[in-house]
């Protein structure tokens, strides 16, 4: 399995808001395993996933990904 760079911005955004990957998964309806893979750089999120995550975190897509 190839890997991209870890998504540090997403991880930091979750930490700043006091949220967990589980919270994000529940609120965005994206599987928790996929959230973990996105953060660790093992999966590249689709545009729709990026929009859902950014919307929930009240951030711009460009600021997260």
PDB file of N, CA and C in Angstrom:
ATOM      1  N   UNK A   1       0.850  -1.178   0.000  1.00  0.00           N
ATOM      2  CA  UNK A   1       0.000   0.000   0.000  1.00  0.00           C
ATOM      3  C   UNK A   1       0.889   1.233   0.000  1.00  0.00           C
ATOM      4  N   UNK A   2       0.677   2.123  -0.953  1.00  0.00           N
ATOM      5  CA  UNK A   2       1.469   3.348  -0.994  1.00  0.00           C
ATOM      6  C   UNK A   2       0.906   4.352   0.006  1.00  0.00           C
ATOM      7  N   UNK A   3       1.758   5.288   0.353  1.00  0.00           N
ATOM      8  CA  UNK A   3       1.375   6.240   1.384  1.00  0.00           C
ATOM      9  C   UNK A   3       1.731   7.648   0.940  1.00  0.00           C
ATOM     10  N   UNK A   4       0.852   8.590   1.258  1.00  0.00           N
ATOM     11  CA  UNK A   4       1.143  10.000   1.029  1.00  0.00           C
ATOM     12  C   UNK A   4       1.570  10.601   2.360  1.00  0.00           C
ATOM     13  N   UNK A   5       1.801  11.877   2.384  1.00  0.00           N
ATOM     14  CA  UNK A   5       2.156  12.525   3.646  1.00  0.00           C
ATOM     15  C   UNK A   5       0.973  12.502   4.604  1.00  0.00           C
ATOM     16  N   UNK A   6       1.233  12.325   5.892  1.00  0.00           N
ATOM     17  CA  UNK A   6       0.137  12.379   6.867  1.00  0.00           C
ATOM     18  C   UNK A   6      -0.546  13.743   6.832  1.00  0.00           C
ATOM     19  N   UNK A   7      -1.827  13.763   7.158  1.00  0.00           N
ATOM     20  CA  UNK A   7      -2.580  15.013   7.145  1.00  0.00           C
ATOM     21  C   UNK A   7      -2.536  15.636   8.539  1.00  0.00           C
ATOM     22  N   UNK A   8      -1.456  16.345   8.786  1.00  0.00           N
ATOM     23  CA  UNK A   8      -1.244  16.968  10.092  1.00  0.00           C
ATOM     24  C   UNK A   8      -2.277  18.061  10.356  1.00  0.00           C
ATOM     25  N   UNK A   9      -2.651  18.816   9.317  1.00  0.00           N
ATOM     26  CA  UNK A   9      -3.624  19.903   9.507  1.00  0.00           C
ATOM     27  C   UNK A   9      -4.957  19.376  10.022  1.00  0.00           C
ATOM     28  N   UNK A  10      -5.398  18.253   9.489  1.00  0.00           N
ATOM     29  CA  UNK A  10      -6.661  17.673   9.942  1.00  0.00           C
ATOM     30  C   UNK A  10      -6.536  17.203  11.380  1.00  0.00           C
ATOM     31  N   UNK A  11      -5.447  16.554  11.699  1.00  0.00           N
ATOM     32  CA  UNK A  11      -5.234  16.074  13.066  1.00  0.00           C
ATOM     33  C   UNK A  11      -5.207  17.240  14.056  1.00  0.00           C
ATOM     34  N   UNK A  12      -4.508  18.308  13.697  1.00  0.00           N
ATOM     35  CA  UNK A  12      -4.429  19.488  14.571  1.00  0.00           C
ATOM     36  C   UNK A  12      -5.800  20.140  14.725  1.00  0.00           C
ATOM     37  N   UNK A  13      -6.560  20.232  13.636  1.00  0.00           N
ATOM     38  CA  UNK A  13      -7.902  20.827  13.699  1.00  0.00           C
ATOM     39  C   UNK A  13      -8.793  20.043  14.661  1.00  0.00           C
ATOM     40  N   UNK A  14      -8.705  18.731  14.616  1.00  0.00           N
ATOM     41  CA  UNK A  14      -9.488  17.904  15.542  1.00  0.00           C
ATOM     42  C   UNK A  14      -9.060  18.169  16.980  1.00  0.00           C
ATOM     43  N   UNK A  15      -7.751  18.210  17.209  1.00  0.00           N
ATOM     44  CA  UNK A  15      -7.241  18.434  18.563  1.00  0.00           C
ATOM     45  C   UNK A  15      -7.676  19.796  19.098  1.00  0.00           C
ATOM     46  N   UNK A  16      -7.585  20.837  18.264  1.00  0.00           N
ATOM     47  CA  UNK A  16      -7.962  22.190  18.700  1.00  0.00           C
ATOM     48  C   UNK A  16      -9.429  22.273  19.091  1.00  0.00           C
ATOM     49  N   UNK A  17     -10.260  21.495  18.433  1.00  0.00           N
ATOM     50  CA  UNK A  17     -11.696  21.511  18.725  1.00  0.00           C
ATOM     51  C   UNK A  17     -12.080  20.467  19.777  1.00  0.00           C
ATOM     52  N   UNK A  18     -11.095  19.720  20.262  1.00  0.00           N
ATOM     53  CA  UNK A  18     -11.360  18.717  21.282  1.00  0.00           C
ATOM     54  C   UNK A  18     -12.165  17.534  20.763  1.00  0.00           C
ATOM     55  N   UNK A  19     -11.988  17.225  19.488  1.00  0.00           N
ATOM     56  CA  UNK A  19     -12.741  16.143  18.856  1.00  0.00           C
ATOM     57  C   UNK A  19     -11.855  14.932  18.602  1.00  0.00           C
ATOM     58  N   UNK A  20     -12.496  13.801  18.459  1.00  0.00           N
ATOM     59  CA  UNK A  20     -11.787  12.573  18.128  1.00  0.00           C
ATOM     60  C   UNK A  20     -12.112  12.164  16.699  1.00  0.00           C
ATOM     61  N   UNK A  21     -11.362  11.212  16.205  1.00  0.00           N
ATOM     62  CA  UNK A  21     -11.659  10.654  14.890  1.00  0.00           C
ATOM     63  C   UNK A  21     -13.053  10.031  14.898  1.00  0.00           C
ATOM     64  N   UNK A  22     -13.429   9.459  16.003  1.00  0.00           N
ATOM     65  CA  UNK A  22     -14.759   8.851  16.124  1.00  0.00           C
ATOM     66  C   UNK A  22     -15.853   9.913  16.003  1.00  0.00           C
ATOM     67  N   UNK A  23     -15.662  11.068  16.658  1.00  0.00           N
ATOM     68  CA  UNK A  23     -16.625  12.177  16.532  1.00  0.00           C
ATOM     69  C   UNK A  23     -16.772  12.597  15.081  1.00  0.00           C
ATOM     70  N   UNK A  24     -15.633  12.775  14.411  1.00  0.00           N
ATOM     71  CA  UNK A  24     -15.636  13.198  13.012  1.00  0.00           C
ATOM     72  C   UNK A  24     -16.337  12.165  12.140  1.00  0.00           C
ATOM     73  N   UNK A  25     -16.041  10.907  12.367  1.00  0.00           N
ATOM     74  CA  UNK A  25     -16.661   9.836  11.583  1.00  0.00           C
ATOM     75  C   UNK A  25     -18.174   9.836  11.773  1.00  0.00           C
ATOM     76  N   UNK A  26     -18.625   9.964  12.998  1.00  0.00           N
ATOM     77  CA  UNK A  26     -20.058   9.952  13.286  1.00  0.00           C
ATOM     78  C   UNK A  26     -20.765  11.125  12.614  1.00  0.00           C
ATOM     79  N   UNK A  27     -20.194  12.307  12.743  1.00  0.00           N
ATOM     80  CA  UNK A  27     -20.840  13.515  12.225  1.00  0.00           C
ATOM     81  C   UNK A  27     -20.818  13.613  10.703  1.00  0.00           C
ATOM     82  N   UNK A  28     -19.806  13.035  10.066  1.00  0.00           N
ATOM     83  CA  UNK A  28     -19.689  13.126   8.607  1.00  0.00           C
ATOM     84  C   UNK A  28     -20.172  11.866   7.901  1.00  0.00           C
ATOM     85  N   UNK A  29     -20.492  10.839   8.660  1.00  0.00           N
ATOM     86  CA  UNK A  29     -20.906   9.550   8.088  1.00  0.00           C
ATOM     87  C   UNK A  29     -19.805   8.931   7.225  1.00  0.00           C
ATOM     88  N   UNK A  30     -18.554   9.221   7.572  1.00  0.00           N
ATOM     89  CA  UNK A  30     -17.397   8.604   6.923  1.00  0.00           C
ATOM     90  C   UNK A  30     -16.846   7.589   7.916  1.00  0.00           C
ATOM     91  N   UNK A  31     -16.601   6.387   7.452  1.00  0.00           N
ATOM     92  CA  UNK A  31     -16.140   5.315   8.327  1.00  0.00           C
ATOM     93  C   UNK A  31     -14.895   5.747   9.122  1.00  0.00           C
ATOM     94  N   UNK A  32     -14.871   5.394  10.391  1.00  0.00           N
ATOM     95  CA  UNK A  32     -13.767   5.775  11.266  1.00  0.00           C
ATOM     96  C   UNK A  32     -12.422   5.256  10.751  1.00  0.00           C
ATOM     97  N   UNK A  33     -12.427   4.079  10.166  1.00  0.00           N
ATOM     98  CA  UNK A  33     -11.199   3.516   9.600  1.00  0.00           C
ATOM     99  C   UNK A  33     -10.683   4.382   8.458  1.00  0.00           C
ATOM    100  N   UNK A  34     -11.598   4.877   7.641  1.00  0.00           N
ATOM    101  CA  UNK A  34     -11.198   5.755   6.527  1.00  0.00           C
ATOM    102  C   UNK A  34     -10.637   7.069   7.051  1.00  0.00           C
ATOM    103  N   UNK A  35     -11.245   7.619   8.089  1.00  0.00           N
ATOM    104  CA  UNK A  35     -10.740   8.855   8.698  1.00  0.00           C
ATOM    105  C   UNK A  35      -9.304   8.628   9.167  1.00  0.00           C
ATOM    106  N   UNK A  36      -9.077   7.525   9.838  1.00  0.00           N
ATOM    107  CA  UNK A  36      -7.739   7.192  10.317  1.00  0.00           C
ATOM    108  C   UNK A  36      -6.751   7.089   9.160  1.00  0.00           C
ATOM    109  N   UNK A  37      -7.153   6.423   8.096  1.00  0.00           N
ATOM    110  CA  UNK A  37      -6.272   6.269   6.928  1.00  0.00           C
ATOM    111  C   UNK A  37      -5.972   7.617   6.276  1.00  0.00           C
ATOM    112  N   UNK A  38      -6.959   8.489   6.225  1.00  0.00           N
ATOM    113  CA  UNK A  38      -6.755   9.825   5.654  1.00  0.00           C
ATOM    114  C   UNK A  38      -5.734  10.590   6.489  1.00  0.00           C
ATOM    115  N   UNK A  39      -5.885  10.558   7.796  1.00  0.00           N
ATOM    116  CA  UNK A  39      -4.974  11.280   8.681  1.00  0.00           C
ATOM    117  C   UNK A  39      -3.562  10.715   8.591  1.00  0.00           C
ATOM    118  N   UNK A  40      -3.448   9.399   8.500  1.00  0.00           N
ATOM    119  CA  UNK A  40      -2.119   8.771   8.441  1.00  0.00           C
ATOM    120  C   UNK A  40      -1.498   8.782   7.048  1.00  0.00           C
ATOM    121  N   UNK A  41      -2.254   9.223   6.056  1.00  0.00           N
ATOM    122  CA  UNK A  41      -1.713   9.322   4.711  1.00  0.00           C
ATOM    123  C   UNK A  41      -1.843   8.069   3.873  1.00  0.00           C
ATOM    124  N   UNK A  42      -2.691   7.139   4.285  1.00  0.00           N
ATOM    125  CA  UNK A  42      -2.891   5.902   3.532  1.00  0.00           C
ATOM    126  C   UNK A  42      -4.071   5.972   2.573  1.00  0.00           C
ATOM    127  N   UNK A  43      -4.846   7.032   2.649  1.00  0.00           N
ATOM    128  CA  UNK A  43      -5.983   7.206   1.744  1.00  0.00           C
ATOM    129  C   UNK A  43      -6.139   8.687   1.422  1.00  0.00           C
ATOM    130  N   UNK A  44      -6.439   8.959   0.178  1.00  0.00           N
ATOM    131  CA  UNK A  44      -6.710  10.330  -0.257  1.00  0.00           C
ATOM    132  C   UNK A  44      -8.227  10.493  -0.302  1.00  0.00           C
ATOM    133  N   UNK A  45      -8.759  11.461   0.439  1.00  0.00           N
ATOM    134  CA  UNK A  45     -10.216  11.629   0.463  1.00  0.00           C
ATOM    135  C   UNK A  45     -10.752  12.170  -0.858  1.00  0.00           C
ATOM    136  N   UNK A  46     -11.975  11.812  -1.166  1.00  0.00           N
ATOM    137  CA  UNK A  46     -12.638  12.359  -2.347  1.00  0.00           C
ATOM    138  C   UNK A  46     -12.979  13.822  -2.069  1.00  0.00           C
ATOM    139  N   UNK A  47     -13.331  14.535  -3.129  1.00  0.00           N
ATOM    140  CA  UNK A  47     -13.718  15.943  -2.964  1.00  0.00           C
ATOM    141  C   UNK A  47     -14.925  16.058  -2.031  1.00  0.00           C
ATOM    142  N   UNK A  48     -15.891  15.156  -2.181  1.00  0.00           N
ATOM    143  CA  UNK A  48     -17.079  15.196  -1.315  1.00  0.00           C
ATOM    144  C   UNK A  48     -16.712  14.954   0.143  1.00  0.00           C
ATOM    145  N   UNK A  49     -15.789  14.035   0.383  1.00  0.00           N
ATOM    146  CA  UNK A  49     -15.348  13.777   1.753  1.00  0.00           C
ATOM    147  C   UNK A  49     -14.666  15.015   2.330  1.00  0.00           C
ATOM    148  N   UNK A  50     -13.821  15.637   1.528  1.00  0.00           N
ATOM    149  CA  UNK A  50     -13.130  16.850   1.977  1.00  0.00           C
ATOM    150  C   UNK A  50     -14.137  17.932   2.355  1.00  0.00           C
ATOM    151  N   UNK A  51     -15.166  18.104   1.524  1.00  0.00           N
ATOM    152  CA  UNK A  51     -16.187  19.125   1.798  1.00  0.00           C
ATOM    153  C   UNK A  51     -16.937  18.814   3.090  1.00  0.00           C
ATOM    154  N   UNK A  52     -17.308  17.558   3.296  1.00  0.00           N
ATOM    155  CA  UNK A  52     -18.037  17.173   4.514  1.00  0.00           C
ATOM    156  C   UNK A  52     -17.197  17.421   5.760  1.00  0.00           C
ATOM    157  N   UNK A  53     -15.931  17.031   5.693  1.00  0.00           N
ATOM    158  CA  UNK A  53     -15.033  17.208   6.837  1.00  0.00           C
ATOM    159  C   UNK A  53     -14.846  18.697   7.127  1.00  0.00           C
ATOM    160  N   UNK A  54     -14.564  19.479   6.095  1.00  0.00           N
ATOM    161  CA  UNK A  54     -14.354  20.922   6.275  1.00  0.00           C
ATOM    162  C   UNK A  54     -15.608  21.602   6.815  1.00  0.00           C
ATOM    163  N   UNK A  55     -16.760  21.215   6.296  1.00  0.00           N
ATOM    164  CA  UNK A  55     -18.026  21.796   6.762  1.00  0.00           C
ATOM    165  C   UNK A  55     -18.225  21.523   8.250  1.00  0.00           C
ATOM    166  N   UNK A  56     -18.012  20.285   8.661  1.00  0.00           N
ATOM    167  CA  UNK A  56     -18.193  19.940  10.066  1.00  0.00           C
ATOM    168  C   UNK A  56     -17.213  20.703  10.962  1.00  0.00           C
ATOM    169  N   UNK A  57     -15.971  20.862  10.497  1.00  0.00           N
ATOM    170  CA  UNK A  57     -14.958  21.548  11.300  1.00  0.00           C
ATOM    171  C   UNK A  57     -15.023  23.067  11.153  1.00  0.00           C
ATOM    172  N   UNK A  58     -15.973  23.548  10.327  1.00  0.00           N
ATOM    173  CA  UNK A  58     -16.144  24.977  10.076  1.00  0.00           C
ATOM    174  C   UNK A  58     -14.851  25.605   9.568  1.00  0.00           C
ATOM    175  N   UNK A  59     -14.266  24.949   8.563  1.00  0.00           N
ATOM    176  CA  UNK A  59     -13.018  25.400   7.953  1.00  0.00           C
ATOM    177  C   UNK A  59     -13.153  25.338   6.441  1.00  0.00           C
ATOM    178  N   UNK A  60     -12.212  25.955   5.759  1.00  0.00           N
ATOM    179  CA  UNK A  60     -12.144  25.875   4.307  1.00  0.00           C
ATOM    180  C   UNK A  60     -11.437  24.578   3.922  1.00  0.00           C
ATOM    181  N   UNK A  61     -11.865  23.974   2.825  1.00  0.00           N
ATOM    182  CA  UNK A  61     -11.227  22.745   2.339  1.00  0.00           C
ATOM    183  C   UNK A  61      -9.733  22.984   2.152  1.00  0.00           C
ATOM    184  N   UNK A  62      -9.380  24.113   1.549  1.00  0.00           N
ATOM    185  CA  UNK A  62      -7.982  24.423   1.270  1.00  0.00           C
ATOM    186  C   UNK A  62      -7.146  24.538   2.545  1.00  0.00           C
ATOM    187  N   UNK A  63      -7.778  24.857   3.655  1.00  0.00           N
ATOM    188  CA  UNK A  63      -7.067  24.962   4.919  1.00  0.00           C
ATOM    189  C   UNK A  63      -6.785  23.626   5.577  1.00  0.00           C
ATOM    190  N   UNK A  64      -7.445  22.593   5.092  1.00  0.00           N
ATOM    191  CA  UNK A  64      -7.274  21.262   5.678  1.00  0.00           C
ATOM    192  C   UNK A  64      -6.492  20.302   4.801  1.00  0.00           C
ATOM    193  N   UNK A  65      -6.649  20.444   3.491  1.00  0.00           N
ATOM    194  CA  UNK A  65      -6.075  19.442   2.588  1.00  0.00           C
ATOM    195  C   UNK A  65      -5.127  20.052   1.590  1.00  0.00           C
TER     196      UNK A  65
END
